[in-house]
Amino acid sequence: MHSTAIFILWTYTTLLVAGGAIGFIKAGSKASLIASIICAIPLALVAKGLLPWWVATAVLTALVVVFAKRFAKTRAWMPAGMLILLSSLTDVALLLFHFGVIKA
């Protein structure tokens, strides 16, 4: 995987876990913390080169679906709307790097 794509994936993974931690600290949501860690593990393994690139795409797509459902229910930008946007952008960036559209 391209070094910039790896950087993007690590950045997203870090933000995902930080968001789960914030959800736990502010709202006492153990589910947010656990879910963020569970989703971060395969993303980190992809970034380390231990899992194929498509695993990250699958996790990111699943997160978009989950947060789209949550956004449809709550209409709240934070965290659902922001995570739809961030997850989608990360997924598109990884796909563009993988298929050689971006050769930076």
Protein backbone atom coordinates (compact mmCIF):
# COMPACT_ATOMS: atom_id res chain seq x y z
CA MET A 1 0.00 0.00 0.00
CA HIS A 2 1.20 3.53 -0.78
CA SER A 3 2.82 5.39 2.13
CA THR A 4 0.32 8.26 1.91
CA ALA A 5 -2.57 5.79 2.01
CA ILE A 6 -1.02 4.18 5.08
CA PHE A 7 -0.72 7.60 6.73
CA ILE A 8 -4.37 8.36 5.95
CA LEU A 9 -5.42 5.00 7.37
CA TRP A 10 -3.42 5.48 10.59
CA THR A 11 -4.83 8.98 10.99
CA TYR A 12 -8.41 7.72 10.56
CA THR A 13 -7.78 4.81 12.95
CA THR A 14 -6.39 7.17 15.59
CA LEU A 15 -9.37 9.53 15.23
CA LEU A 16 -11.78 6.58 15.42
CA VAL A 17 -10.34 5.34 18.72
CA ALA A 18 -10.12 8.89 20.09
CA GLY A 19 -13.79 9.40 19.24
CA GLY A 20 -14.71 6.18 21.01
CA ALA A 21 -12.74 7.31 24.05
CA ILE A 22 -14.46 10.70 24.02
CA GLY A 23 -17.85 8.98 23.79
CA PHE A 24 -16.91 6.90 26.80
CA ILE A 25 -15.60 9.84 28.82
CA LYS A 26 -18.40 12.29 28.02
CA ALA A 27 -21.40 9.97 27.85
CA GLY A 28 -20.18 6.86 29.63
CA SER A 29 -20.68 4.88 26.42
CA LYS A 30 -18.77 1.62 26.74
CA ALA A 31 -20.29 0.57 23.41
CA SER A 32 -18.59 3.50 21.62
CA LEU A 33 -15.22 2.62 23.09
CA ILE A 34 -15.51 -1.10 22.39
CA ALA A 35 -16.86 -0.62 18.86
CA SER A 36 -14.13 1.85 17.97
CA ILE A 37 -11.43 -0.54 19.17
CA ILE A 38 -12.99 -3.50 17.37
CA CYS A 39 -13.12 -1.50 14.12
CA ALA A 40 -9.63 -0.07 14.63
CA ILE A 41 -7.94 -3.47 14.94
CA PRO A 42 -8.43 -4.62 11.34
CA LEU A 43 -7.66 -1.11 10.07
CA ALA A 44 -4.36 -1.14 11.96
CA LEU A 45 -3.57 -4.61 10.62
CA VAL A 46 -4.16 -3.38 7.07
CA ALA A 47 -1.91 -0.37 7.71
CA LYS A 48 0.80 -2.74 9.00
CA GLY A 49 0.45 -4.87 5.87
CA LEU A 50 -0.86 -7.93 7.73
CA LEU A 51 -4.29 -7.90 6.08
CA PRO A 52 -5.20 -7.11 2.45
CA TRP A 53 -6.30 -3.58 1.49
CA TRP A 54 -9.91 -4.58 0.84
CA VAL A 55 -10.43 -5.32 4.55
CA ALA A 56 -10.05 -1.60 5.28
CA THR A 57 -12.55 -0.79 2.53
CA ALA A 58 -15.02 -3.30 3.98
CA VAL A 59 -14.68 -1.90 7.52
CA LEU A 60 -15.00 1.69 6.32
CA THR A 61 -18.05 0.86 4.20
CA ALA A 62 -19.67 -0.93 7.15
CA LEU A 63 -19.02 2.12 9.33
CA VAL A 64 -20.62 4.40 6.74
CA VAL A 65 -23.73 2.18 6.73
CA VAL A 66 -23.93 2.07 10.55
CA PHE A 67 -23.50 5.82 10.91
CA ALA A 68 -25.93 6.55 8.06
CA LYS A 69 -28.59 4.57 9.94
CA ARG A 70 -27.77 6.46 13.13
CA PHE A 71 -27.85 9.79 11.31
CA ALA A 72 -31.22 8.94 9.76
CA LYS A 73 -32.57 8.35 13.28
CA THR A 74 -31.05 11.30 15.10
CA ARG A 75 -30.25 13.87 12.39
CA ALA A 76 -27.31 14.79 14.61
CA TRP A 77 -24.14 15.92 12.85
CA MET A 78 -21.98 14.77 15.78
CA PRO A 79 -20.87 12.08 15.71
CA ALA A 80 -22.84 10.28 12.99
CA GLY A 81 -22.74 12.90 10.23
CA MET A 82 -19.09 13.67 10.73
CA LEU A 83 -18.17 9.98 10.73
CA ILE A 84 -20.12 9.35 7.53
CA LEU A 85 -18.10 12.08 5.85
CA LEU A 86 -14.74 11.08 7.35
CA SER A 87 -15.23 7.36 6.70
CA SER A 88 -16.37 7.99 3.12
CA LEU A 89 -13.44 10.28 2.35
CA THR A 90 -10.97 7.80 3.82
CA ASP A 91 -12.50 4.94 1.85
CA VAL A 92 -12.41 6.89 -1.43
CA ALA A 93 -8.81 7.96 -0.80
CA LEU A 94 -7.71 4.37 -0.15
CA LEU A 95 -9.46 3.17 -3.30
CA LEU A 96 -7.90 5.94 -5.40
CA PHE A 97 -4.43 5.08 -4.12
CA HIS A 98 -4.98 1.35 -4.56
CA PHE A 99 -6.16 1.61 -8.14
CA GLY A 100 -3.39 4.06 -9.03
CA VAL A 101 -5.61 7.06 -9.73
CA ILE A 102 -3.43 9.00 -7.27
CA LYS A 103 0.29 8.37 -7.64
CA ALA A 104 1.61 10.91 -5.15
